[in-house]
Amino acid sequence: MNHRLIACVLGLLLVVVGVVCIERPDVPRSLGPSRAEAAPPITGTPAPLDTPDPAVFATGGKVEVEIVPVGLGVLFTNNIYLFSTSPPRFIGTNRDGGTVVNLGTFPDGTELVFGIGTPENHSYVTGPGERNPDGIAHAIVEAAGPGTVTVRFEDLFAGGDLNFADAVIRVTGAAAP
């Protein structure tokens, strides 16, 4: 009889701990890294979140995009596009780390509008937040050397966790304003 009572109390305790972990985001839910911990480190000088225009511009000549591998904590598969062409050009998914795509040549100063399509049927693009369905910027652009920028995307409506590590691309033949 005492063993049943102990088993019931332990079971109830596990249920309570499980509910607390679900309701409190500050309590770890797994032994693995959180999304923020698994995200690739931000290097260079990221654009502040209130920057009105985190845009990308061609420097003249050939433009290539490399898809940077995402961290283990990234949950969704996002499609990556160049939206400034008609029709938009599919580059790959955030799961295609290491893939390099030659986009062709673009005149100096041409805005290259990159973006992601999410499983929630939203598209988020570089440039001013007004271009996105929630009105906020979902990309940060970092200078990564002469003629190279890194673009980091946040994939959740209203900014999500703001880790900007849900899709990351490195663009050569481009610059940030």
N, C-alpha and C. Protein backbone atom coordinates (compact mmCIF):
# COMPACT_ATOMS: atom_id res chain seq x y z
N MET A 1 0.82 -1.19 0.00
CA MET A 1 0.00 0.00 0.00
C MET A 1 0.87 1.26 0.00
N ASN A 2 1.94 1.28 0.77
CA ASN A 2 2.81 2.46 0.82
C ASN A 2 3.48 2.71 -0.52
N HIS A 3 3.78 1.65 -1.25
CA HIS A 3 4.42 1.81 -2.56
C HIS A 3 3.48 2.51 -3.54
N ARG A 4 2.17 2.18 -3.47
CA ARG A 4 1.21 2.83 -4.35
C ARG A 4 1.11 4.32 -4.03
N LEU A 5 1.09 4.65 -2.77
CA LEU A 5 1.00 6.04 -2.35
C LEU A 5 2.23 6.82 -2.83
N ILE A 6 3.38 6.23 -2.67
CA ILE A 6 4.63 6.88 -3.12
C ILE A 6 4.61 7.06 -4.64
N ALA A 7 4.18 6.03 -5.36
CA ALA A 7 4.11 6.11 -6.82
C ALA A 7 3.13 7.20 -7.26
N CYS A 8 1.99 7.30 -6.59
CA CYS A 8 1.01 8.34 -6.93
C CYS A 8 1.57 9.73 -6.68
N VAL A 9 2.24 9.92 -5.54
CA VAL A 9 2.81 11.22 -5.21
C VAL A 9 3.89 11.60 -6.23
N LEU A 10 4.75 10.64 -6.58
CA LEU A 10 5.79 10.91 -7.58
C LEU A 10 5.18 11.23 -8.95
N GLY A 11 4.15 10.52 -9.34
CA GLY A 11 3.48 10.79 -10.60
C GLY A 11 2.87 12.18 -10.62
N LEU A 12 2.22 12.55 -9.53
CA LEU A 12 1.64 13.88 -9.43
C LEU A 12 2.72 14.96 -9.50
N LEU A 13 3.84 14.72 -8.84
CA LEU A 13 4.95 15.66 -8.87
C LEU A 13 5.48 15.84 -10.29
N LEU A 14 5.61 14.76 -11.05
CA LEU A 14 6.07 14.85 -12.44
C LEU A 14 5.10 15.65 -13.30
N VAL A 15 3.80 15.48 -13.07
CA VAL A 15 2.81 16.25 -13.81
C VAL A 15 2.94 17.73 -13.50
N VAL A 16 3.10 18.08 -12.24
CA VAL A 16 3.22 19.49 -11.83
C VAL A 16 4.48 20.10 -12.44
N VAL A 17 5.60 19.39 -12.38
CA VAL A 17 6.85 19.89 -12.96
C VAL A 17 6.70 20.07 -14.47
N GLY A 18 6.03 19.14 -15.14
CA GLY A 18 5.80 19.26 -16.58
C GLY A 18 4.98 20.47 -16.92
N VAL A 19 3.94 20.76 -16.16
CA VAL A 19 3.10 21.93 -16.41
C VAL A 19 3.89 23.21 -16.19
N VAL A 20 4.70 23.26 -15.16
CA VAL A 20 5.51 24.45 -14.88
C VAL A 20 6.48 24.70 -16.03
N CYS A 21 7.09 23.64 -16.55
CA CYS A 21 8.04 23.81 -17.66
C CYS A 21 7.34 24.29 -18.92
N ILE A 22 6.12 23.86 -19.16
CA ILE A 22 5.39 24.29 -20.35
C ILE A 22 4.98 25.74 -20.21
N GLU A 23 4.52 26.16 -19.03
CA GLU A 23 4.01 27.50 -18.84
C GLU A 23 5.10 28.53 -18.60
N ARG A 24 6.29 28.13 -18.20
CA ARG A 24 7.36 29.09 -17.90
C ARG A 24 8.48 28.94 -18.92
N PRO A 25 8.62 29.92 -19.81
CA PRO A 25 9.65 29.81 -20.84
C PRO A 25 11.06 29.88 -20.29
N ASP A 26 11.24 30.35 -19.05
CA ASP A 26 12.59 30.44 -18.49
C ASP A 26 13.06 29.10 -17.93
N VAL A 27 12.20 28.09 -17.88
CA VAL A 27 12.57 26.77 -17.39
C VAL A 27 12.87 25.90 -18.59
N PRO A 28 14.08 25.31 -18.67
CA PRO A 28 14.43 24.49 -19.84
C PRO A 28 13.46 23.32 -19.99
N ARG A 29 13.08 23.03 -21.25
CA ARG A 29 12.16 21.93 -21.52
C ARG A 29 12.89 20.69 -21.99
N SER A 30 14.15 20.82 -22.34
CA SER A 30 14.89 19.65 -22.81
C SER A 30 16.34 19.80 -22.38
N LEU A 31 17.08 18.74 -22.61
CA LEU A 31 18.50 18.77 -22.27
C LEU A 31 19.34 19.40 -23.37
N GLY A 32 18.76 19.58 -24.56
CA GLY A 32 19.49 20.18 -25.68
C GLY A 32 19.55 21.69 -25.56
N PRO A 33 20.29 22.33 -26.46
CA PRO A 33 20.40 23.79 -26.42
C PRO A 33 19.11 24.45 -26.85
N SER A 34 18.87 25.65 -26.33
CA SER A 34 17.72 26.42 -26.76
C SER A 34 17.98 26.94 -28.17
N ARG A 35 16.95 27.51 -28.81
CA ARG A 35 17.13 28.05 -30.16
C ARG A 35 18.21 29.11 -30.18
N ALA A 36 18.22 29.98 -29.17
CA ALA A 36 19.22 31.06 -29.14
C ALA A 36 20.61 30.50 -28.94
N GLU A 37 20.75 29.47 -28.08
CA GLU A 37 22.07 28.90 -27.83
C GLU A 37 22.61 28.17 -29.05
N ALA A 38 21.73 27.57 -29.86
CA ALA A 38 22.16 26.80 -31.01
C ALA A 38 22.40 27.66 -32.23
N ALA A 39 21.96 28.90 -32.20
CA ALA A 39 22.08 29.78 -33.36
C ALA A 39 23.54 30.08 -33.65
N PRO A 40 23.87 30.22 -34.94
CA PRO A 40 25.23 30.61 -35.26
C PRO A 40 25.54 31.97 -34.64
N PRO A 41 26.77 32.19 -34.24
CA PRO A 41 27.10 33.47 -33.60
C PRO A 41 26.98 34.63 -34.59
N ILE A 42 26.54 35.76 -34.07
CA ILE A 42 26.46 36.97 -34.88
C ILE A 42 27.83 37.62 -34.89
N THR A 43 28.34 37.87 -36.10
CA THR A 43 29.65 38.51 -36.24
C THR A 43 29.48 39.78 -37.04
N GLY A 44 30.50 40.58 -37.09
CA GLY A 44 30.40 41.82 -37.84
C GLY A 44 29.58 42.84 -37.07
N THR A 45 28.98 43.75 -37.79
CA THR A 45 28.18 44.81 -37.17
C THR A 45 26.74 44.67 -37.63
N PRO A 46 25.87 44.04 -36.81
CA PRO A 46 24.48 43.90 -37.24
C PRO A 46 23.75 45.23 -37.24
N ALA A 47 22.77 45.35 -38.12
CA ALA A 47 21.92 46.54 -38.12
C ALA A 47 21.03 46.51 -36.89
N PRO A 48 20.87 47.61 -36.17
CA PRO A 48 19.97 47.61 -35.02
C PRO A 48 18.54 47.30 -35.47
N LEU A 49 17.74 46.75 -34.55
CA LEU A 49 16.38 46.35 -34.89
C LEU A 49 15.54 47.53 -35.36
N ASP A 50 15.88 48.74 -34.93
CA ASP A 50 15.08 49.88 -35.35
C ASP A 50 15.61 50.54 -36.62
N THR A 51 16.61 49.92 -37.27
CA THR A 51 17.10 50.45 -38.53
C THR A 51 15.97 50.39 -39.54
N PRO A 52 15.64 51.52 -40.19
CA PRO A 52 14.49 51.53 -41.07
C PRO A 52 14.68 50.75 -42.36
N ASP A 53 15.91 50.47 -42.76
CA ASP A 53 16.11 49.85 -44.06
C ASP A 53 17.30 48.88 -44.06
N PRO A 54 17.14 47.68 -43.47
CA PRO A 54 18.23 46.69 -43.54
C PRO A 54 18.25 46.05 -44.93
N ALA A 55 18.75 46.80 -45.90
CA ALA A 55 18.70 46.39 -47.30
C ALA A 55 20.05 45.88 -47.78
N VAL A 56 20.03 45.26 -48.97
CA VAL A 56 21.22 44.72 -49.61
C VAL A 56 21.27 45.29 -51.03
N PHE A 57 22.46 45.76 -51.43
CA PHE A 57 22.63 46.33 -52.76
C PHE A 57 23.78 45.66 -53.49
N ALA A 58 23.59 45.41 -54.78
CA ALA A 58 24.65 44.83 -55.61
C ALA A 58 25.79 45.83 -55.74
N THR A 59 27.01 45.30 -55.82
CA THR A 59 28.18 46.15 -55.99
C THR A 59 28.62 46.20 -57.44
N GLY A 60 27.86 45.58 -58.32
CA GLY A 60 28.20 45.53 -59.74
C GLY A 60 28.93 44.24 -60.04
N GLY A 61 28.42 43.46 -60.92
CA GLY A 61 29.05 42.19 -61.26
C GLY A 61 28.30 41.00 -60.70
N LYS A 62 29.03 39.89 -60.59
CA LYS A 62 28.45 38.61 -60.19
C LYS A 62 28.03 38.61 -58.72
N VAL A 63 26.85 38.04 -58.46
CA VAL A 63 26.33 37.90 -57.09
C VAL A 63 26.14 36.42 -56.80
N GLU A 64 26.71 35.98 -55.69
CA GLU A 64 26.54 34.59 -55.24
C GLU A 64 25.98 34.58 -53.83
N VAL A 65 25.18 33.54 -53.55
CA VAL A 65 24.60 33.36 -52.22
C VAL A 65 25.04 32.00 -51.69
N GLU A 66 25.56 32.01 -50.48
CA GLU A 66 25.87 30.76 -49.77
C GLU A 66 24.88 30.63 -48.62
N ILE A 67 24.24 29.47 -48.51
CA ILE A 67 23.35 29.21 -47.39
C ILE A 67 24.20 28.73 -46.22
N VAL A 68 24.12 29.47 -45.12
CA VAL A 68 24.91 29.14 -43.92
C VAL A 68 24.13 28.09 -43.12
N PRO A 69 24.81 27.03 -42.66
CA PRO A 69 24.10 26.00 -41.87
C PRO A 69 23.45 26.61 -40.62
N VAL A 70 22.24 26.16 -40.32
CA VAL A 70 21.52 26.63 -39.14
C VAL A 70 21.89 25.79 -37.93
N GLY A 71 21.65 26.34 -36.73
CA GLY A 71 21.91 25.63 -35.50
C GLY A 71 20.88 24.53 -35.26
N LEU A 72 21.19 23.66 -34.33
CA LEU A 72 20.31 22.53 -34.02
C LEU A 72 18.95 22.96 -33.50
N GLY A 73 18.85 24.10 -32.86
CA GLY A 73 17.59 24.53 -32.26
C GLY A 73 16.61 25.18 -33.22
N VAL A 74 16.97 25.34 -34.50
CA VAL A 74 16.06 25.95 -35.47
C VAL A 74 15.00 24.91 -35.83
N LEU A 75 13.74 25.26 -35.60
CA LEU A 75 12.66 24.30 -35.74
C LEU A 75 12.07 24.20 -37.14
N PHE A 76 11.88 25.32 -37.82
CA PHE A 76 11.16 25.31 -39.09
C PHE A 76 12.11 25.26 -40.28
N THR A 77 11.61 24.69 -41.36
CA THR A 77 12.31 24.75 -42.64
C THR A 77 11.73 25.91 -43.42
N ASN A 78 12.59 26.87 -43.75
CA ASN A 78 12.17 28.07 -44.47
C ASN A 78 12.78 28.07 -45.87
N ASN A 79 11.99 28.46 -46.85
CA ASN A 79 12.48 28.61 -48.22
C ASN A 79 13.11 29.99 -48.37
N ILE A 80 14.24 30.04 -49.06
CA ILE A 80 14.98 31.29 -49.24
C ILE A 80 14.86 31.71 -50.70
N TYR A 81 14.54 32.99 -50.92
CA TYR A 81 14.32 33.51 -52.27
C TYR A 81 15.06 34.82 -52.50
N LEU A 82 15.28 35.11 -53.77
CA LEU A 82 15.61 36.46 -54.22
C LEU A 82 14.29 36.97 -54.79
N PHE A 83 13.64 37.91 -54.09
CA PHE A 83 12.34 38.41 -54.49
C PHE A 83 12.41 39.55 -55.48
N SER A 84 13.60 40.13 -55.69
CA SER A 84 13.69 41.29 -56.58
C SER A 84 13.77 40.90 -58.05
N THR A 85 13.61 39.63 -58.37
CA THR A 85 13.52 39.18 -59.76
C THR A 85 12.07 38.77 -60.03
N SER A 86 11.71 38.74 -61.28
CA SER A 86 10.35 38.33 -61.63
C SER A 86 10.44 37.13 -62.56
N PRO A 87 9.95 35.99 -62.15
CA PRO A 87 9.38 35.66 -60.84
C PRO A 87 10.48 35.56 -59.78
N PRO A 88 10.09 35.52 -58.49
CA PRO A 88 11.10 35.36 -57.43
C PRO A 88 11.93 34.10 -57.68
N ARG A 89 13.21 34.19 -57.38
CA ARG A 89 14.13 33.06 -57.63
C ARG A 89 14.34 32.28 -56.35
N PHE A 90 14.00 30.98 -56.38
CA PHE A 90 14.22 30.08 -55.24
C PHE A 90 15.71 29.80 -55.15
N ILE A 91 16.28 29.97 -53.95
CA ILE A 91 17.70 29.73 -53.72
C ILE A 91 17.92 28.39 -53.04
N GLY A 92 17.07 28.04 -52.10
CA GLY A 92 17.19 26.79 -51.35
C GLY A 92 16.43 26.93 -50.04
N THR A 93 16.67 26.00 -49.11
CA THR A 93 16.05 26.11 -47.79
C THR A 93 17.14 26.35 -46.76
N ASN A 94 16.72 26.74 -45.57
CA ASN A 94 17.69 26.94 -44.50
C ASN A 94 18.37 25.65 -44.09
N ARG A 95 17.88 24.51 -44.55
CA ARG A 95 18.49 23.19 -44.26
C ARG A 95 19.56 22.82 -45.28
N ASP A 96 19.76 23.65 -46.31
CA ASP A 96 20.73 23.36 -47.37
C ASP A 96 22.07 24.02 -47.12
N GLY A 97 22.53 23.99 -45.87
CA GLY A 97 23.79 24.63 -45.50
C GLY A 97 24.94 24.23 -46.40
N GLY A 98 25.73 25.21 -46.82
CA GLY A 98 26.87 24.96 -47.68
C GLY A 98 26.56 25.12 -49.16
N THR A 99 25.28 25.17 -49.52
CA THR A 99 24.90 25.34 -50.92
C THR A 99 25.27 26.75 -51.37
N VAL A 100 25.88 26.84 -52.55
CA VAL A 100 26.24 28.14 -53.14
C VAL A 100 25.50 28.26 -54.46
N VAL A 101 24.81 29.39 -54.65
CA VAL A 101 24.03 29.63 -55.85
C VAL A 101 24.51 30.92 -56.51
N ASN A 102 24.85 30.84 -57.80
CA ASN A 102 25.23 32.01 -58.58
C ASN A 102 23.95 32.65 -59.11
N LEU A 103 23.68 33.88 -58.72
CA LEU A 103 22.46 34.57 -59.13
C LEU A 103 22.63 35.37 -60.41
N GLY A 104 23.85 35.46 -60.92
CA GLY A 104 24.10 36.23 -62.13
C GLY A 104 24.70 37.59 -61.80
N THR A 105 24.66 38.48 -62.77
CA THR A 105 25.24 39.81 -62.58
C THR A 105 24.14 40.85 -62.42
N PHE A 106 24.45 41.85 -61.60
CA PHE A 106 23.52 42.95 -61.33
C PHE A 106 24.30 44.25 -61.36
N PRO A 107 23.70 45.31 -61.91
CA PRO A 107 24.38 46.61 -61.93
C PRO A 107 24.61 47.13 -60.51
N ASP A 108 25.67 47.91 -60.36
CA ASP A 108 25.98 48.54 -59.08
C ASP A 108 24.79 49.36 -58.58
N GLY A 109 24.44 49.18 -57.31
CA GLY A 109 23.36 49.94 -56.71
C GLY A 109 21.99 49.29 -56.81
N THR A 110 21.87 48.17 -57.52
CA THR A 110 20.59 47.47 -57.62
C THR A 110 20.24 46.86 -56.27
N GLU A 111 19.03 47.15 -55.77
CA GLU A 111 18.62 46.53 -54.51
C GLU A 111 18.30 45.06 -54.76
N LEU A 112 18.87 44.21 -53.92
CA LEU A 112 18.61 42.77 -53.96
C LEU A 112 17.70 42.45 -52.78
N VAL A 113 16.45 42.16 -53.06
CA VAL A 113 15.49 41.89 -52.00
C VAL A 113 15.46 40.38 -51.76
N PHE A 114 16.10 39.96 -50.67
CA PHE A 114 16.10 38.56 -50.27
C PHE A 114 14.98 38.34 -49.26
N GLY A 115 14.53 37.12 -49.16
CA GLY A 115 13.48 36.84 -48.19
C GLY A 115 13.30 35.36 -47.96
N ILE A 116 12.41 35.07 -47.01
CA ILE A 116 12.09 33.68 -46.69
C ILE A 116 10.58 33.47 -46.78
N GLY A 117 10.20 32.26 -47.12
CA GLY A 117 8.82 31.81 -47.05
C GLY A 117 8.75 30.80 -45.92
N THR A 118 7.82 30.99 -44.99
CA THR A 118 7.76 30.15 -43.79
C THR A 118 6.65 29.10 -43.90
N PRO A 119 6.71 28.08 -43.04
CA PRO A 119 5.65 27.07 -43.02
C PRO A 119 4.30 27.66 -42.59
N GLU A 120 4.31 28.86 -41.98
CA GLU A 120 3.07 29.52 -41.58
C GLU A 120 2.50 30.38 -42.71
N ASN A 121 3.03 30.20 -43.93
CA ASN A 121 2.59 30.91 -45.13
C ASN A 121 2.80 32.42 -45.06
N HIS A 122 3.89 32.85 -44.41
CA HIS A 122 4.28 34.25 -44.41
C HIS A 122 5.58 34.37 -45.21
N SER A 123 5.75 35.52 -45.83
CA SER A 123 7.02 35.85 -46.46
C SER A 123 7.58 37.07 -45.76
N TYR A 124 8.87 37.02 -45.44
CA TYR A 124 9.55 38.14 -44.79
C TYR A 124 10.76 38.49 -45.65
N VAL A 125 10.97 39.78 -45.88
CA VAL A 125 12.00 40.21 -46.80
C VAL A 125 12.93 41.24 -46.16
N THR A 126 14.08 41.45 -46.83
CA THR A 126 15.01 42.49 -46.41
C THR A 126 14.40 43.85 -46.74
N GLY A 127 14.94 44.87 -46.13
CA GLY A 127 14.44 46.21 -46.35
C GLY A 127 13.54 46.65 -45.21
N PRO A 128 12.79 47.72 -45.41
CA PRO A 128 11.97 48.27 -44.33
C PRO A 128 10.91 47.28 -43.85
N GLY A 129 10.57 47.37 -42.58
CA GLY A 129 9.58 46.49 -41.98
C GLY A 129 8.22 46.56 -42.64
N GLU A 130 7.89 47.70 -43.25
CA GLU A 130 6.58 47.85 -43.90
C GLU A 130 6.37 46.82 -45.00
N ARG A 131 7.44 46.22 -45.51
CA ARG A 131 7.32 45.22 -46.57
C ARG A 131 6.79 43.88 -46.03
N ASN A 132 6.83 43.69 -44.72
CA ASN A 132 6.44 42.42 -44.12
C ASN A 132 5.02 42.47 -43.58
N PRO A 133 4.36 41.32 -43.49
CA PRO A 133 2.94 41.32 -43.10
C PRO A 133 2.66 41.85 -41.70
N ASP A 134 3.65 41.82 -40.80
CA ASP A 134 3.45 42.34 -39.45
C ASP A 134 4.04 43.74 -39.26
N GLY A 135 4.62 44.29 -40.32
CA GLY A 135 5.13 45.66 -40.28
C GLY A 135 6.46 45.84 -39.57
N ILE A 136 7.16 44.74 -39.26
CA ILE A 136 8.45 44.88 -38.58
C ILE A 136 9.55 44.23 -39.41
N ALA A 137 10.78 44.66 -39.19
CA ALA A 137 11.93 44.10 -39.89
C ALA A 137 12.18 42.66 -39.43
N HIS A 138 12.36 41.77 -40.38
CA HIS A 138 12.64 40.36 -40.09
C HIS A 138 14.03 39.96 -40.57
N ALA A 139 14.85 40.93 -40.93
CA ALA A 139 16.20 40.64 -41.39
C ALA A 139 17.16 41.65 -40.79
N ILE A 140 18.36 41.17 -40.50
CA ILE A 140 19.46 42.07 -40.18
C ILE A 140 20.55 41.79 -41.20
N VAL A 141 21.26 42.82 -41.56
CA VAL A 141 22.30 42.71 -42.57
C VAL A 141 23.61 43.14 -41.93
N GLU A 142 24.62 42.27 -42.04
CA GLU A 142 25.93 42.53 -41.45
C GLU A 142 26.98 42.61 -42.55
N ALA A 143 27.84 43.60 -42.48
CA ALA A 143 28.99 43.63 -43.37
C ALA A 143 29.91 42.49 -42.96
N ALA A 144 30.31 41.67 -43.94
CA ALA A 144 31.17 40.52 -43.64
C ALA A 144 32.48 40.60 -44.39
N GLY A 145 32.85 41.79 -44.81
CA GLY A 145 34.08 41.99 -45.57
C GLY A 145 33.76 42.77 -46.83
N PRO A 146 34.77 43.18 -47.58
CA PRO A 146 34.53 43.95 -48.80
C PRO A 146 33.68 43.16 -49.79
N GLY A 147 32.54 43.74 -50.18
CA GLY A 147 31.69 43.09 -51.17
C GLY A 147 30.94 41.87 -50.67
N THR A 148 30.85 41.70 -49.35
CA THR A 148 30.16 40.54 -48.79
C THR A 148 29.32 40.97 -47.59
N VAL A 149 28.08 40.47 -47.54
CA VAL A 149 27.21 40.72 -46.40
C VAL A 149 26.61 39.39 -45.94
N THR A 150 26.25 39.35 -44.67
CA THR A 150 25.51 38.22 -44.12
C THR A 150 24.12 38.73 -43.79
N VAL A 151 23.11 37.98 -44.22
CA VAL A 151 21.72 38.34 -43.97
C VAL A 151 21.13 37.27 -43.06
N ARG A 152 20.55 37.71 -41.94
CA ARG A 152 19.95 36.80 -40.96
C ARG A 152 18.46 37.10 -40.85
N PHE A 153 17.66 36.03 -40.86
CA PHE A 153 16.21 36.18 -40.84
C PHE A 153 15.59 35.63 -39.57
N GLU A 154 14.54 36.30 -39.13
CA GLU A 154 13.65 35.82 -38.07
C GLU A 154 12.39 35.32 -38.77
N ASP A 155 11.93 34.11 -38.41
CA ASP A 155 10.84 33.49 -39.18
C ASP A 155 9.46 33.49 -38.53
N LEU A 156 9.30 34.12 -37.38
CA LEU A 156 8.00 34.10 -36.72
C LEU A 156 7.31 35.46 -36.77
N PHE A 157 6.01 35.43 -36.97
CA PHE A 157 5.19 36.64 -37.01
C PHE A 157 5.40 37.45 -35.74
N ALA A 158 5.44 38.75 -35.85
CA ALA A 158 5.64 39.69 -34.73
C ALA A 158 7.03 39.58 -34.12
N GLY A 159 7.98 39.01 -34.84
CA GLY A 159 9.36 38.98 -34.37
C GLY A 159 9.79 37.73 -33.65
N GLY A 160 8.86 36.89 -33.20
CA GLY A 160 9.23 35.64 -32.56
C GLY A 160 10.20 35.84 -31.43
N ASP A 161 11.29 35.07 -31.44
CA ASP A 161 12.30 35.16 -30.37
C ASP A 161 13.40 36.16 -30.70
N LEU A 162 13.33 36.78 -31.88
CA LEU A 162 14.30 37.80 -32.31
C LEU A 162 15.75 37.34 -32.27
N ASN A 163 15.98 36.04 -32.53
CA ASN A 163 17.37 35.58 -32.56
C ASN A 163 18.00 35.74 -33.96
N PHE A 164 17.18 35.99 -34.97
CA PHE A 164 17.66 36.21 -36.33
C PHE A 164 18.64 35.12 -36.78
N ALA A 165 18.30 33.86 -36.47
CA ALA A 165 19.14 32.74 -36.85
C ALA A 165 18.34 31.63 -37.54
N ASP A 166 17.13 31.95 -38.01
CA ASP A 166 16.25 30.93 -38.58
C ASP A 166 16.58 30.62 -40.04
N ALA A 167 17.19 31.54 -40.72
CA ALA A 167 17.75 31.34 -42.05
C ALA A 167 18.87 32.37 -42.18
N VAL A 168 20.03 31.92 -42.62
CA VAL A 168 21.19 32.82 -42.73
C VAL A 168 21.85 32.58 -44.08
N ILE A 169 22.11 33.69 -44.80
CA ILE A 169 22.80 33.60 -46.07
C ILE A 169 23.98 34.56 -46.09
N ARG A 170 25.00 34.20 -46.85
CA ARG A 170 26.15 35.07 -47.06
C ARG A 170 26.14 35.43 -48.55
N VAL A 171 26.12 36.73 -48.84
CA VAL A 171 25.99 37.21 -50.21
C VAL A 171 27.29 37.90 -50.60
N THR A 172 27.92 37.43 -51.68
CA THR A 172 29.10 38.11 -52.23
C THR A 172 28.66 38.90 -53.45
N GLY A 173 29.34 40.01 -53.69
CA GLY A 173 28.95 40.92 -54.75
C GLY A 173 27.86 41.86 -54.28
N ALA A 174 27.83 42.10 -52.95
CA ALA A 174 26.78 42.94 -52.37
C ALA A 174 27.32 43.73 -51.20
N ALA A 175 26.56 44.77 -50.83
CA ALA A 175 26.94 45.62 -49.69
C ALA A 175 25.67 46.09 -48.99
N ALA A 176 25.84 46.49 -47.73
CA ALA A 176 24.75 47.08 -46.95
C ALA A 176 24.89 48.60 -47.05
N PRO A 177 23.77 49.33 -46.91
CA PRO A 177 23.85 50.80 -47.01
C PRO A 177 24.69 51.40 -45.89
